[in-house]
Amino acid sequence: MKRCKQLILVGCLVLIGVNVVMVYSGQRKRVSDEFRKDFIKNFKRTGLNTTPDDAMMLRVLVASSGAKRGVEVGSASGFGAINMGIAFERNGGHLYTLEIDPDTVKVCRENLKKVGLENTVTCIEGDALKTLPKLEGEFDFVFIDALKSDYMKYLKIIEPHLKRGAVVVGDNVIRSAKAMQDFLDYMQNSPDYDTVIIRASMEKKDGMSISYKIR
C-alpha cells in the first residue's frame, strides 16, 4: 500500500513537471506585441498584398465585430491574414485563409509562424472554388481578395454558412468594379445586407465594400 502511494505521488510530480515545462515553453515561444508591430512595419509587401491602412481596417472590423470564425479568400504572403489574425486571437477565434499558389502558401505559413499566429490562422492550399465547399460550420467574417470575376462565386459558396450579423468585405471594388459587377449589384441591392464602399487607403487608389448581414 505504501509502495502504491509512493508511485502515485511520483506520477503526480511528473505530471506537474510536464505542465510546468509546457507553460514555460509556451511563454518562451510567445511573440511580443512589439515584435509583431515591427514585423508588420517592415513586411516586404507585393502588389497582391493589402495596403497597411486596409489591413488595419480589416483588423478593426474583426475586433469590433467580435468575429470568431473567419475566411479570407486570397492569402498572398499573409500580410492581411496577420493583421486579421491578431484580432481573431484577441477574440479567441480562428481565421482560415485560402491560397492557390503552393509557393505563396509556404511563404504565408512561414510568416504566420514568425509572428506566432500559426495556431490562430490556418492557410489552406488550393483553388478556393474547391476548398471553400470543404469548410464546415458557421462563419461571421469574410474577406474576399482573389480573382475578381469570381467574387460572386466565392460568396455563394460561403453564404449558406454566414451567421446573422456576419461581415463580408470585398477588396478592389472601385478599380475592378466591372469585373465583379454581379457581386456588387447583389451586395448593394439584396435586402439581406447593408453595404457601403469605403477608401481606407489611397495607396492603390482603390476601395473595399463592407457588408453587414441583416438576416
N, C-alpha and C. Protein backbone atom coordinates (compact mmCIF):
# COMPACT_ATOMS: atom_id res chain seq x y z
N MET A 1 0.84 -1.21 0.00
CA MET A 1 0.00 0.00 0.00
C MET A 1 0.87 1.26 0.00
N LYS A 2 1.94 1.20 0.86
CA LYS A 2 2.84 2.34 0.95
C LYS A 2 3.55 2.54 -0.38
N ARG A 3 3.96 1.43 -0.99
CA ARG A 3 4.63 1.48 -2.29
C ARG A 3 3.72 2.08 -3.35
N CYS A 4 2.45 1.72 -3.30
CA CYS A 4 1.45 2.22 -4.26
C CYS A 4 1.30 3.73 -4.13
N LYS A 5 1.24 4.19 -2.87
CA LYS A 5 1.11 5.63 -2.64
C LYS A 5 2.33 6.39 -3.16
N GLN A 6 3.51 5.77 -2.98
CA GLN A 6 4.73 6.40 -3.45
C GLN A 6 4.72 6.55 -4.97
N LEU A 7 4.25 5.51 -5.65
CA LEU A 7 4.18 5.54 -7.11
C LEU A 7 3.20 6.60 -7.59
N ILE A 8 2.06 6.70 -6.90
CA ILE A 8 1.07 7.72 -7.27
C ILE A 8 1.64 9.12 -7.08
N LEU A 9 2.38 9.31 -5.97
CA LEU A 9 2.99 10.61 -5.69
C LEU A 9 4.00 10.98 -6.76
N VAL A 10 4.84 10.00 -7.14
CA VAL A 10 5.84 10.24 -8.19
C VAL A 10 5.15 10.60 -9.51
N GLY A 11 4.07 9.87 -9.79
CA GLY A 11 3.33 10.14 -11.03
C GLY A 11 2.78 11.55 -11.06
N CYS A 12 2.23 11.99 -9.94
CA CYS A 12 1.67 13.35 -9.85
C CYS A 12 2.75 14.40 -10.04
N LEU A 13 3.93 14.15 -9.43
CA LEU A 13 5.04 15.10 -9.55
C LEU A 13 5.52 15.20 -11.00
N VAL A 14 5.54 14.04 -11.68
CA VAL A 14 5.93 14.03 -13.09
C VAL A 14 4.97 14.85 -13.92
N LEU A 15 3.66 14.68 -13.68
CA LEU A 15 2.65 15.42 -14.42
C LEU A 15 2.77 16.91 -14.17
N ILE A 16 3.00 17.27 -12.92
CA ILE A 16 3.16 18.69 -12.58
C ILE A 16 4.36 19.25 -13.31
N GLY A 17 5.45 18.44 -13.33
CA GLY A 17 6.66 18.88 -14.01
C GLY A 17 6.43 19.10 -15.48
N VAL A 18 5.68 18.18 -16.11
CA VAL A 18 5.37 18.30 -17.54
C VAL A 18 4.59 19.58 -17.79
N ASN A 19 3.58 19.84 -16.94
CA ASN A 19 2.77 21.04 -17.11
C ASN A 19 3.60 22.30 -16.98
N VAL A 20 4.54 22.30 -16.01
CA VAL A 20 5.39 23.47 -15.81
C VAL A 20 6.24 23.71 -17.04
N VAL A 21 6.80 22.60 -17.59
CA VAL A 21 7.64 22.73 -18.78
C VAL A 21 6.83 23.26 -19.95
N MET A 22 5.59 22.76 -20.07
CA MET A 22 4.73 23.21 -21.17
C MET A 22 4.40 24.69 -21.04
N VAL A 23 4.09 25.14 -19.84
CA VAL A 23 3.78 26.55 -19.63
C VAL A 23 5.02 27.40 -19.91
N TYR A 24 6.16 26.92 -19.36
CA TYR A 24 7.41 27.66 -19.55
C TYR A 24 7.76 27.72 -21.03
N SER A 25 7.59 26.56 -21.71
CA SER A 25 7.88 26.51 -23.14
C SER A 25 6.96 27.45 -23.90
N GLY A 26 5.66 27.47 -23.50
CA GLY A 26 4.71 28.36 -24.16
C GLY A 26 5.08 29.82 -23.98
N GLN A 27 5.57 30.15 -22.79
CA GLN A 27 5.96 31.53 -22.53
C GLN A 27 7.16 31.91 -23.37
N ARG A 28 8.08 30.98 -23.54
CA ARG A 28 9.27 31.27 -24.33
C ARG A 28 8.93 31.49 -25.80
N LYS A 29 7.90 30.77 -26.27
CA LYS A 29 7.54 30.85 -27.67
C LYS A 29 6.63 32.05 -27.97
N ARG A 30 6.08 32.66 -26.96
CA ARG A 30 5.15 33.76 -27.18
C ARG A 30 5.85 34.93 -27.86
N VAL A 31 5.23 35.45 -28.93
CA VAL A 31 5.80 36.56 -29.68
C VAL A 31 5.24 37.86 -29.10
N SER A 32 6.10 38.81 -28.83
CA SER A 32 5.67 40.06 -28.21
C SER A 32 4.91 40.94 -29.20
N ASP A 33 4.08 41.80 -28.66
CA ASP A 33 3.34 42.76 -29.49
C ASP A 33 4.30 43.68 -30.23
N GLU A 34 5.40 44.01 -29.57
CA GLU A 34 6.40 44.90 -30.19
C GLU A 34 7.05 44.24 -31.40
N PHE A 35 7.34 42.94 -31.26
CA PHE A 35 7.92 42.20 -32.39
C PHE A 35 6.95 42.18 -33.56
N ARG A 36 5.67 41.89 -33.26
CA ARG A 36 4.66 41.86 -34.32
C ARG A 36 4.54 43.22 -35.00
N LYS A 37 4.56 44.27 -34.21
CA LYS A 37 4.44 45.61 -34.75
C LYS A 37 5.59 45.90 -35.72
N ASP A 38 6.79 45.55 -35.33
CA ASP A 38 7.97 45.77 -36.18
C ASP A 38 7.92 44.89 -37.42
N PHE A 39 7.45 43.65 -37.24
CA PHE A 39 7.36 42.72 -38.36
C PHE A 39 6.40 43.25 -39.42
N ILE A 40 5.26 43.74 -38.97
CA ILE A 40 4.27 44.30 -39.89
C ILE A 40 4.80 45.57 -40.57
N LYS A 41 5.47 46.40 -39.79
CA LYS A 41 6.01 47.66 -40.33
C LYS A 41 7.04 47.39 -41.42
N ASN A 42 7.85 46.35 -41.24
CA ASN A 42 8.93 46.04 -42.19
C ASN A 42 8.58 44.92 -43.15
N PHE A 43 7.31 44.54 -43.20
CA PHE A 43 6.85 43.45 -44.07
C PHE A 43 7.14 43.79 -45.54
N LYS A 44 7.72 42.84 -46.25
CA LYS A 44 8.02 43.05 -47.67
C LYS A 44 6.78 42.71 -48.49
N ARG A 45 5.95 43.71 -48.69
CA ARG A 45 4.70 43.51 -49.40
C ARG A 45 4.91 43.43 -50.91
N THR A 46 4.00 42.73 -51.55
CA THR A 46 3.96 42.68 -53.01
C THR A 46 2.67 43.36 -53.46
N GLY A 47 2.46 43.43 -54.75
CA GLY A 47 1.25 44.06 -55.27
C GLY A 47 -0.01 43.29 -54.93
N LEU A 48 0.15 42.04 -54.52
CA LEU A 48 -1.01 41.22 -54.17
C LEU A 48 -1.45 41.42 -52.72
N ASN A 49 -0.60 42.00 -51.91
CA ASN A 49 -0.95 42.23 -50.50
C ASN A 49 -1.85 43.44 -50.33
N THR A 50 -2.65 43.43 -49.28
CA THR A 50 -3.44 44.59 -48.93
C THR A 50 -2.51 45.69 -48.43
N THR A 51 -2.96 46.93 -48.50
CA THR A 51 -2.15 48.05 -48.02
C THR A 51 -2.21 48.09 -46.49
N PRO A 52 -1.27 48.77 -45.85
CA PRO A 52 -1.28 48.84 -44.37
C PRO A 52 -2.58 49.38 -43.80
N ASP A 53 -3.12 50.45 -44.40
CA ASP A 53 -4.36 51.02 -43.88
C ASP A 53 -5.54 50.08 -44.09
N ASP A 54 -5.59 49.42 -45.24
CA ASP A 54 -6.67 48.45 -45.48
C ASP A 54 -6.57 47.27 -44.51
N ALA A 55 -5.33 46.82 -44.28
CA ALA A 55 -5.12 45.71 -43.35
C ALA A 55 -5.54 46.09 -41.94
N MET A 56 -5.25 47.34 -41.56
CA MET A 56 -5.66 47.79 -40.23
C MET A 56 -7.17 47.91 -40.14
N MET A 57 -7.80 48.34 -41.23
CA MET A 57 -9.26 48.40 -41.26
C MET A 57 -9.85 47.01 -41.04
N LEU A 58 -9.27 46.02 -41.68
CA LEU A 58 -9.74 44.64 -41.50
C LEU A 58 -9.58 44.19 -40.06
N ARG A 59 -8.45 44.54 -39.47
CA ARG A 59 -8.21 44.17 -38.07
C ARG A 59 -9.24 44.81 -37.16
N VAL A 60 -9.54 46.08 -37.40
CA VAL A 60 -10.52 46.80 -36.59
C VAL A 60 -11.91 46.19 -36.77
N LEU A 61 -12.26 45.83 -38.01
CA LEU A 61 -13.56 45.23 -38.27
C LEU A 61 -13.72 43.89 -37.54
N VAL A 62 -12.68 43.07 -37.59
CA VAL A 62 -12.74 41.78 -36.91
C VAL A 62 -12.86 41.98 -35.40
N ALA A 63 -12.02 42.85 -34.86
CA ALA A 63 -12.01 43.07 -33.41
C ALA A 63 -13.32 43.65 -32.91
N SER A 64 -13.81 44.68 -33.61
CA SER A 64 -15.01 45.39 -33.15
C SER A 64 -16.28 44.56 -33.33
N SER A 65 -16.28 43.67 -34.32
CA SER A 65 -17.47 42.84 -34.54
C SER A 65 -17.49 41.62 -33.63
N GLY A 66 -16.35 41.35 -33.00
CA GLY A 66 -16.26 40.18 -32.13
C GLY A 66 -16.25 38.87 -32.89
N ALA A 67 -15.86 38.92 -34.15
CA ALA A 67 -15.87 37.73 -35.01
C ALA A 67 -15.02 36.61 -34.43
N LYS A 68 -15.52 35.39 -34.55
CA LYS A 68 -14.83 34.22 -34.01
C LYS A 68 -14.35 33.25 -35.09
N ARG A 69 -15.05 33.22 -36.23
CA ARG A 69 -14.64 32.32 -37.31
C ARG A 69 -14.67 33.07 -38.63
N GLY A 70 -13.49 33.18 -39.24
CA GLY A 70 -13.40 33.98 -40.46
C GLY A 70 -12.78 33.22 -41.62
N VAL A 71 -13.03 33.74 -42.83
CA VAL A 71 -12.46 33.18 -44.05
C VAL A 71 -11.87 34.31 -44.88
N GLU A 72 -10.65 34.12 -45.33
CA GLU A 72 -10.04 35.04 -46.28
C GLU A 72 -9.80 34.28 -47.58
N VAL A 73 -10.31 34.82 -48.68
CA VAL A 73 -10.09 34.20 -49.99
C VAL A 73 -9.00 34.99 -50.69
N GLY A 74 -7.81 34.42 -50.74
CA GLY A 74 -6.65 35.09 -51.33
C GLY A 74 -5.67 35.52 -50.26
N SER A 75 -4.76 34.65 -49.89
CA SER A 75 -3.82 34.93 -48.79
C SER A 75 -2.66 35.82 -49.20
N ALA A 76 -2.17 35.64 -50.44
CA ALA A 76 -0.89 36.21 -50.86
C ALA A 76 0.15 35.75 -49.84
N SER A 77 1.05 36.62 -49.42
CA SER A 77 2.10 36.20 -48.48
C SER A 77 1.70 36.38 -47.02
N GLY A 78 0.43 36.74 -46.78
CA GLY A 78 -0.08 36.72 -45.41
C GLY A 78 -0.15 38.04 -44.68
N PHE A 79 0.04 39.16 -45.36
CA PHE A 79 0.01 40.45 -44.67
C PHE A 79 -1.36 40.72 -44.08
N GLY A 80 -2.40 40.53 -44.86
CA GLY A 80 -3.76 40.73 -44.36
C GLY A 80 -4.12 39.70 -43.30
N ALA A 81 -3.70 38.44 -43.52
CA ALA A 81 -4.01 37.37 -42.57
C ALA A 81 -3.38 37.63 -41.22
N ILE A 82 -2.17 38.20 -41.22
CA ILE A 82 -1.50 38.51 -39.95
C ILE A 82 -2.28 39.58 -39.19
N ASN A 83 -2.68 40.63 -39.90
CA ASN A 83 -3.42 41.71 -39.25
C ASN A 83 -4.76 41.22 -38.73
N MET A 84 -5.49 40.47 -39.53
CA MET A 84 -6.76 39.92 -39.07
C MET A 84 -6.54 38.89 -37.98
N GLY A 85 -5.46 38.11 -38.12
CA GLY A 85 -5.15 37.08 -37.16
C GLY A 85 -4.95 37.62 -35.75
N ILE A 86 -4.34 38.80 -35.66
CA ILE A 86 -4.14 39.43 -34.35
C ILE A 86 -5.49 39.69 -33.69
N ALA A 87 -6.46 40.16 -34.49
CA ALA A 87 -7.79 40.44 -33.95
C ALA A 87 -8.53 39.14 -33.60
N PHE A 88 -8.39 38.13 -34.44
CA PHE A 88 -9.04 36.86 -34.14
C PHE A 88 -8.45 36.23 -32.89
N GLU A 89 -7.16 36.40 -32.70
CA GLU A 89 -6.52 35.90 -31.48
C GLU A 89 -7.11 36.60 -30.26
N ARG A 90 -7.29 37.90 -30.34
CA ARG A 90 -7.89 38.65 -29.23
C ARG A 90 -9.31 38.18 -28.95
N ASN A 91 -10.02 37.85 -30.02
CA ASN A 91 -11.42 37.41 -29.87
C ASN A 91 -11.54 35.95 -29.46
N GLY A 92 -10.41 35.25 -29.42
CA GLY A 92 -10.47 33.82 -29.15
C GLY A 92 -11.03 33.05 -30.32
N GLY A 93 -10.79 33.56 -31.54
CA GLY A 93 -11.35 32.94 -32.73
C GLY A 93 -10.30 32.34 -33.65
N HIS A 94 -10.72 32.07 -34.90
CA HIS A 94 -9.83 31.42 -35.86
C HIS A 94 -10.13 31.93 -37.27
N LEU A 95 -9.07 32.07 -38.06
CA LEU A 95 -9.19 32.51 -39.45
C LEU A 95 -8.65 31.43 -40.38
N TYR A 96 -9.42 31.14 -41.43
CA TYR A 96 -8.97 30.24 -42.48
C TYR A 96 -8.66 31.09 -43.70
N THR A 97 -7.43 31.05 -44.18
CA THR A 97 -7.06 31.85 -45.34
C THR A 97 -6.70 30.92 -46.49
N LEU A 98 -7.24 31.17 -47.67
CA LEU A 98 -7.14 30.26 -48.80
C LEU A 98 -6.23 30.84 -49.89
N GLU A 99 -5.31 30.04 -50.38
CA GLU A 99 -4.35 30.50 -51.40
C GLU A 99 -4.10 29.38 -52.40
N ILE A 100 -4.11 29.74 -53.68
CA ILE A 100 -3.99 28.74 -54.74
C ILE A 100 -2.56 28.38 -55.07
N ASP A 101 -1.62 29.30 -54.89
CA ASP A 101 -0.24 29.07 -55.29
C ASP A 101 0.56 28.38 -54.18
N PRO A 102 1.13 27.19 -54.46
CA PRO A 102 1.86 26.42 -53.44
C PRO A 102 3.05 27.18 -52.83
N ASP A 103 3.80 27.88 -53.65
CA ASP A 103 4.96 28.62 -53.14
C ASP A 103 4.52 29.76 -52.22
N THR A 104 3.43 30.42 -52.60
CA THR A 104 2.91 31.51 -51.78
C THR A 104 2.35 31.00 -50.47
N VAL A 105 1.74 29.83 -50.52
CA VAL A 105 1.22 29.19 -49.30
C VAL A 105 2.36 28.96 -48.31
N LYS A 106 3.48 28.49 -48.81
CA LYS A 106 4.64 28.24 -47.97
C LYS A 106 5.13 29.51 -47.29
N VAL A 107 5.21 30.59 -48.06
CA VAL A 107 5.66 31.88 -47.52
C VAL A 107 4.67 32.39 -46.48
N CYS A 108 3.38 32.27 -46.79
CA CYS A 108 2.34 32.72 -45.87
C CYS A 108 2.44 31.98 -44.54
N ARG A 109 2.58 30.67 -44.59
CA ARG A 109 2.67 29.87 -43.37
C ARG A 109 3.92 30.23 -42.56
N GLU A 110 5.02 30.48 -43.26
CA GLU A 110 6.25 30.87 -42.58
C GLU A 110 6.08 32.20 -41.85
N ASN A 111 5.43 33.15 -42.53
CA ASN A 111 5.20 34.47 -41.92
C ASN A 111 4.28 34.37 -40.71
N LEU A 112 3.26 33.55 -40.82
CA LEU A 112 2.33 33.35 -39.70
C LEU A 112 3.05 32.75 -38.50
N LYS A 113 3.96 31.83 -38.77
CA LYS A 113 4.71 31.20 -37.69
C LYS A 113 5.66 32.19 -37.03
N LYS A 114 6.26 33.06 -37.82
CA LYS A 114 7.20 34.04 -37.28
C LYS A 114 6.54 34.96 -36.26
N VAL A 115 5.26 35.27 -36.47
CA VAL A 115 4.56 36.17 -35.54
C VAL A 115 3.70 35.40 -34.54
N GLY A 116 3.87 34.08 -34.50
CA GLY A 116 3.17 33.28 -33.50
C GLY A 116 1.68 33.13 -33.72
N LEU A 117 1.24 33.15 -34.98
CA LEU A 117 -0.19 33.05 -35.26
C LEU A 117 -0.56 31.75 -35.97
N GLU A 118 0.38 30.79 -35.99
CA GLU A 118 0.12 29.55 -36.73
C GLU A 118 -1.02 28.73 -36.13
N ASN A 119 -1.35 28.97 -34.87
CA ASN A 119 -2.46 28.25 -34.24
C ASN A 119 -3.78 29.01 -34.35
N THR A 120 -3.70 30.26 -34.78
CA THR A 120 -4.90 31.10 -34.91
C THR A 120 -5.34 31.23 -36.37
N VAL A 121 -4.38 31.13 -37.29
CA VAL A 121 -4.68 31.26 -38.72
C VAL A 121 -4.21 30.01 -39.45
N THR A 122 -5.11 29.39 -40.19
CA THR A 122 -4.78 28.21 -40.98
C THR A 122 -4.77 28.58 -42.46
N CYS A 123 -3.63 28.39 -43.11
CA CYS A 123 -3.52 28.67 -44.54
C CYS A 123 -3.78 27.39 -45.31
N ILE A 124 -4.83 27.41 -46.14
CA ILE A 124 -5.25 26.23 -46.89
C ILE A 124 -4.85 26.38 -48.36
N GLU A 125 -4.15 25.38 -48.87
CA GLU A 125 -3.68 25.42 -50.25
C GLU A 125 -4.73 24.88 -51.21
N GLY A 126 -4.89 25.56 -52.36
CA GLY A 126 -5.79 25.08 -53.40
C GLY A 126 -6.70 26.15 -53.96
N ASP A 127 -7.38 25.83 -55.02
CA ASP A 127 -8.35 26.72 -55.65
C ASP A 127 -9.51 26.94 -54.68
N ALA A 128 -9.80 28.18 -54.37
CA ALA A 128 -10.84 28.50 -53.39
C ALA A 128 -12.21 27.94 -53.80
N LEU A 129 -12.46 27.84 -55.08
CA LEU A 129 -13.74 27.30 -55.52
C LEU A 129 -13.87 25.82 -55.14
N LYS A 130 -12.73 25.18 -54.87
CA LYS A 130 -12.74 23.78 -54.46
C LYS A 130 -12.55 23.61 -52.96
N THR A 131 -11.79 24.52 -52.34
CA THR A 131 -11.52 24.39 -50.90
C THR A 131 -12.61 25.01 -50.04
N LEU A 132 -13.27 26.05 -50.53
CA LEU A 132 -14.34 26.69 -49.77
C LEU A 132 -15.47 25.71 -49.41
N PRO A 133 -15.92 24.88 -50.36
CA PRO A 133 -17.01 23.95 -50.03
C PRO A 133 -16.65 22.94 -48.95
N LYS A 134 -15.37 22.78 -48.68
CA LYS A 134 -14.94 21.81 -47.68
C LYS A 134 -14.95 22.37 -46.26
N LEU A 135 -15.09 23.68 -46.14
CA LEU A 135 -15.13 24.30 -44.82
C LEU A 135 -16.48 24.05 -44.16
N GLU A 136 -16.46 23.66 -42.92
CA GLU A 136 -17.69 23.34 -42.21
C GLU A 136 -17.98 24.34 -41.10
N GLY A 137 -19.23 24.36 -40.67
CA GLY A 137 -19.62 25.25 -39.58
C GLY A 137 -20.03 26.62 -40.06
N GLU A 138 -20.30 27.51 -39.10
CA GLU A 138 -20.74 28.88 -39.41
C GLU A 138 -19.57 29.85 -39.34
N PHE A 139 -19.70 30.95 -40.10
CA PHE A 139 -18.67 31.98 -40.14
C PHE A 139 -19.30 33.35 -39.93
N ASP A 140 -18.55 34.24 -39.31
CA ASP A 140 -19.07 35.58 -39.07
C ASP A 140 -18.18 36.68 -39.64
N PHE A 141 -17.18 36.29 -40.44
CA PHE A 141 -16.35 37.30 -41.12
C PHE A 141 -15.77 36.69 -42.39
N VAL A 142 -15.87 37.46 -43.49
CA VAL A 142 -15.33 37.01 -44.78
C VAL A 142 -14.61 38.17 -45.45
N PHE A 143 -13.41 37.90 -45.94
CA PHE A 143 -12.68 38.88 -46.73
C PHE A 143 -12.32 38.25 -48.06
N ILE A 144 -12.80 38.84 -49.15
CA ILE A 144 -12.56 38.30 -50.49
C ILE A 144 -11.58 39.20 -51.24
N ASP A 145 -10.46 38.60 -51.64
CA ASP A 145 -9.42 39.35 -52.36
C ASP A 145 -8.67 38.39 -53.28
N ALA A 146 -9.41 37.79 -54.20
CA ALA A 146 -8.81 36.84 -55.14
C ALA A 146 -9.23 37.22 -56.56
N LEU A 147 -9.50 36.25 -57.41
CA LEU A 147 -9.88 36.52 -58.79
C LEU A 147 -11.17 37.33 -58.81
N LYS A 148 -11.10 38.53 -59.36
CA LYS A 148 -12.21 39.48 -59.26
C LYS A 148 -13.50 38.98 -59.91
N SER A 149 -13.38 38.31 -61.03
CA SER A 149 -14.58 37.83 -61.73
C SER A 149 -15.28 36.70 -60.98
N ASP A 150 -14.61 36.15 -59.97
CA ASP A 150 -15.20 35.03 -59.22
C ASP A 150 -15.73 35.43 -57.84
N TYR A 151 -15.77 36.71 -57.54
CA TYR A 151 -16.24 37.16 -56.22
C TYR A 151 -17.62 36.60 -55.88
N MET A 152 -18.50 36.66 -56.86
CA MET A 152 -19.87 36.19 -56.62
C MET A 152 -19.89 34.68 -56.37
N LYS A 153 -19.03 33.96 -57.06
CA LYS A 153 -18.96 32.50 -56.86
C LYS A 153 -18.48 32.17 -55.45
N TYR A 154 -17.45 32.91 -55.00
CA TYR A 154 -16.95 32.68 -53.64
C TYR A 154 -18.05 32.95 -52.62
N LEU A 155 -18.75 34.07 -52.82
CA LEU A 155 -19.79 34.46 -51.88
C LEU A 155 -20.89 33.41 -51.81
N LYS A 156 -21.32 32.92 -52.96
CA LYS A 156 -22.43 31.98 -52.99
C LYS A 156 -22.07 30.65 -52.32
N ILE A 157 -20.79 30.29 -52.34
CA ILE A 157 -20.37 29.07 -51.67
C ILE A 157 -20.41 29.24 -50.16
N ILE A 158 -19.94 30.39 -49.69
CA ILE A 158 -19.82 30.61 -48.24
C ILE A 158 -21.10 31.17 -47.63
N GLU A 159 -21.95 31.79 -48.42
CA GLU A 159 -23.14 32.46 -47.90
C GLU A 159 -24.04 31.58 -47.03
N PRO A 160 -24.29 30.32 -47.40
CA PRO A 160 -25.14 29.48 -46.54
C PRO A 160 -24.56 29.25 -45.14
N HIS A 161 -23.28 29.53 -44.98
CA HIS A 161 -22.61 29.33 -43.69
C HIS A 161 -22.47 30.62 -42.88
N LEU A 162 -22.98 31.72 -43.42
CA LEU A 162 -22.83 33.01 -42.73
C LEU A 162 -23.87 33.18 -41.63
N LYS A 163 -23.40 33.58 -40.47
CA LYS A 163 -24.29 33.86 -39.36
C LYS A 163 -24.96 35.21 -39.54
N ARG A 164 -26.08 35.38 -38.92
CA ARG A 164 -26.71 36.70 -38.90
C ARG A 164 -25.75 37.66 -38.18
N GLY A 165 -25.52 38.82 -38.77
CA GLY A 165 -24.57 39.77 -38.20
C GLY A 165 -23.17 39.62 -38.74
N ALA A 166 -22.98 38.69 -39.68
CA ALA A 166 -21.66 38.48 -40.27
C ALA A 166 -21.25 39.70 -41.10
N VAL A 167 -19.95 39.90 -41.21
CA VAL A 167 -19.39 40.99 -42.00
C VAL A 167 -18.70 40.39 -43.22
N VAL A 168 -19.03 40.94 -44.41
CA VAL A 168 -18.42 40.47 -45.66
C VAL A 168 -17.70 41.65 -46.30
N VAL A 169 -16.40 41.48 -46.55
CA VAL A 169 -15.60 42.56 -47.14
C VAL A 169 -15.05 42.11 -48.49
N GLY A 170 -15.20 42.97 -49.48
CA GLY A 170 -14.64 42.70 -50.80
C GLY A 170 -13.58 43.75 -51.12
N ASP A 171 -12.43 43.32 -51.61
CA ASP A 171 -11.35 44.27 -51.91
C ASP A 171 -11.35 44.65 -53.39
N ASN A 172 -10.73 45.79 -53.67
CA ASN A 172 -10.54 46.29 -55.05
C ASN A 172 -11.85 46.53 -55.79
N VAL A 173 -12.85 46.99 -55.06
CA VAL A 173 -14.19 47.12 -55.65
C VAL A 173 -14.40 48.40 -56.47
N ILE A 174 -13.41 49.28 -56.49
CA ILE A 174 -13.53 50.51 -57.29
C ILE A 174 -12.85 50.32 -58.65
N ARG A 175 -11.59 49.97 -58.63
CA ARG A 175 -10.85 49.83 -59.88
C ARG A 175 -11.25 48.57 -60.64
N SER A 176 -11.76 47.57 -59.93
CA SER A 176 -12.15 46.31 -60.58
C SER A 176 -13.67 46.10 -60.56
N ALA A 177 -14.39 47.20 -60.45
CA ALA A 177 -15.86 47.12 -60.32
C ALA A 177 -16.51 46.37 -61.49
N LYS A 178 -16.02 46.60 -62.68
CA LYS A 178 -16.62 45.97 -63.87
C LYS A 178 -16.49 44.45 -63.81
N ALA A 179 -15.35 43.97 -63.35
CA ALA A 179 -15.10 42.53 -63.31
C ALA A 179 -15.96 41.82 -62.27
N MET A 180 -16.41 42.56 -61.25
CA MET A 180 -17.21 41.95 -60.18
C MET A 180 -18.58 42.62 -60.04
N GLN A 181 -19.11 43.09 -61.15
CA GLN A 181 -20.36 43.84 -61.11
C GLN A 181 -21.51 43.03 -60.53
N ASP A 182 -21.54 41.74 -60.82
CA ASP A 182 -22.62 40.90 -60.27
C ASP A 182 -22.53 40.84 -58.75
N PHE A 183 -21.34 40.76 -58.22
CA PHE A 183 -21.13 40.74 -56.77
C PHE A 183 -21.58 42.06 -56.15
N LEU A 184 -21.15 43.17 -56.74
CA LEU A 184 -21.50 44.48 -56.21
C LEU A 184 -23.00 44.74 -56.28
N ASP A 185 -23.61 44.38 -57.40
CA ASP A 185 -25.06 44.57 -57.55
C ASP A 185 -25.82 43.78 -56.48
N TYR A 186 -25.37 42.58 -56.24
CA TYR A 186 -26.03 41.73 -55.25
C TYR A 186 -25.88 42.29 -53.84
N MET A 187 -24.67 42.64 -53.46
CA MET A 187 -24.42 43.13 -52.10
C MET A 187 -25.10 44.48 -51.84
N GLN A 188 -25.21 45.31 -52.86
CA GLN A 188 -25.79 46.63 -52.69
C GLN A 188 -27.31 46.64 -52.79
N ASN A 189 -27.88 45.63 -53.40
CA ASN A 189 -29.33 45.61 -53.61
C ASN A 189 -30.07 44.53 -52.83
N SER A 190 -29.35 43.57 -52.30
CA SER A 190 -30.01 42.50 -51.55
C SER A 190 -30.58 43.04 -50.23
N PRO A 191 -31.81 42.67 -49.88
CA PRO A 191 -32.40 43.10 -48.61
C PRO A 191 -31.75 42.42 -47.41
N ASP A 192 -30.85 41.47 -47.68
CA ASP A 192 -30.18 40.74 -46.60
C ASP A 192 -28.91 41.43 -46.10
N TYR A 193 -28.50 42.50 -46.81
CA TYR A 193 -27.25 43.16 -46.44
C TYR A 193 -27.36 44.68 -46.42
N ASP A 194 -26.62 45.28 -45.51
CA ASP A 194 -26.33 46.72 -45.55
C ASP A 194 -24.91 46.83 -46.07
N THR A 195 -24.71 47.64 -47.11
CA THR A 195 -23.39 47.70 -47.75
C THR A 195 -22.93 49.14 -47.96
N VAL A 196 -21.63 49.36 -47.75
CA VAL A 196 -21.02 50.65 -48.01
C VAL A 196 -19.66 50.41 -48.66
N ILE A 197 -19.27 51.31 -49.54
CA ILE A 197 -17.95 51.23 -50.17
C ILE A 197 -17.08 52.35 -49.59
N ILE A 198 -15.90 51.97 -49.12
CA ILE A 198 -15.03 52.94 -48.47
C ILE A 198 -13.63 52.90 -49.06
N ARG A 199 -12.89 53.97 -48.77
CA ARG A 199 -11.46 54.01 -49.09
C ARG A 199 -10.71 54.23 -47.79
N ALA A 200 -10.09 53.20 -47.30
CA ALA A 200 -9.29 53.33 -46.08
C ALA A 200 -7.86 53.68 -46.42
N SER A 201 -7.50 53.52 -47.70
CA SER A 201 -6.14 53.80 -48.16
C SER A 201 -6.18 54.34 -49.58
N MET A 202 -5.27 55.27 -49.87
CA MET A 202 -5.17 55.82 -51.23
C MET A 202 -3.97 55.26 -51.97
N GLU A 203 -3.26 54.32 -51.33
CA GLU A 203 -2.05 53.77 -51.93
C GLU A 203 -2.31 53.15 -53.30
N LYS A 204 -3.40 52.40 -53.41
CA LYS A 204 -3.72 51.75 -54.68
C LYS A 204 -4.86 52.46 -55.40
N LYS A 205 -5.30 53.59 -54.83
CA LYS A 205 -6.43 54.33 -55.43
C LYS A 205 -7.62 53.39 -55.64
N ASP A 206 -7.91 52.62 -54.63
CA ASP A 206 -8.98 51.63 -54.72
C ASP A 206 -9.80 51.65 -53.44
N GLY A 207 -10.68 50.69 -53.27
CA GLY A 207 -11.52 50.67 -52.07
C GLY A 207 -12.07 49.30 -51.76
N MET A 208 -12.82 49.21 -50.67
CA MET A 208 -13.41 47.96 -50.22
C MET A 208 -14.91 48.12 -50.01
N SER A 209 -15.64 47.06 -50.27
CA SER A 209 -17.06 47.03 -49.91
C SER A 209 -17.17 46.34 -48.56
N ILE A 210 -17.97 46.93 -47.68
CA ILE A 210 -18.18 46.33 -46.37
C ILE A 210 -19.68 46.08 -46.21
N SER A 211 -20.04 44.83 -45.98
CA SER A 211 -21.45 44.47 -45.88
C SER A 211 -21.75 43.79 -44.55
N TYR A 212 -22.90 44.14 -43.99
CA TYR A 212 -23.37 43.55 -42.75
C TYR A 212 -24.58 42.68 -43.06
N LYS A 213 -24.52 41.43 -42.66
CA LYS A 213 -25.64 40.51 -42.95
C LYS A 213 -26.76 40.74 -41.94
N ILE A 214 -27.88 41.25 -42.42
CA ILE A 214 -29.01 41.60 -41.57
C ILE A 214 -29.75 40.37 -41.08
N ARG A 215 -29.90 39.40 -41.95
CA ARG A 215 -30.65 38.19 -41.60
C ARG A 215 -30.14 36.97 -42.36
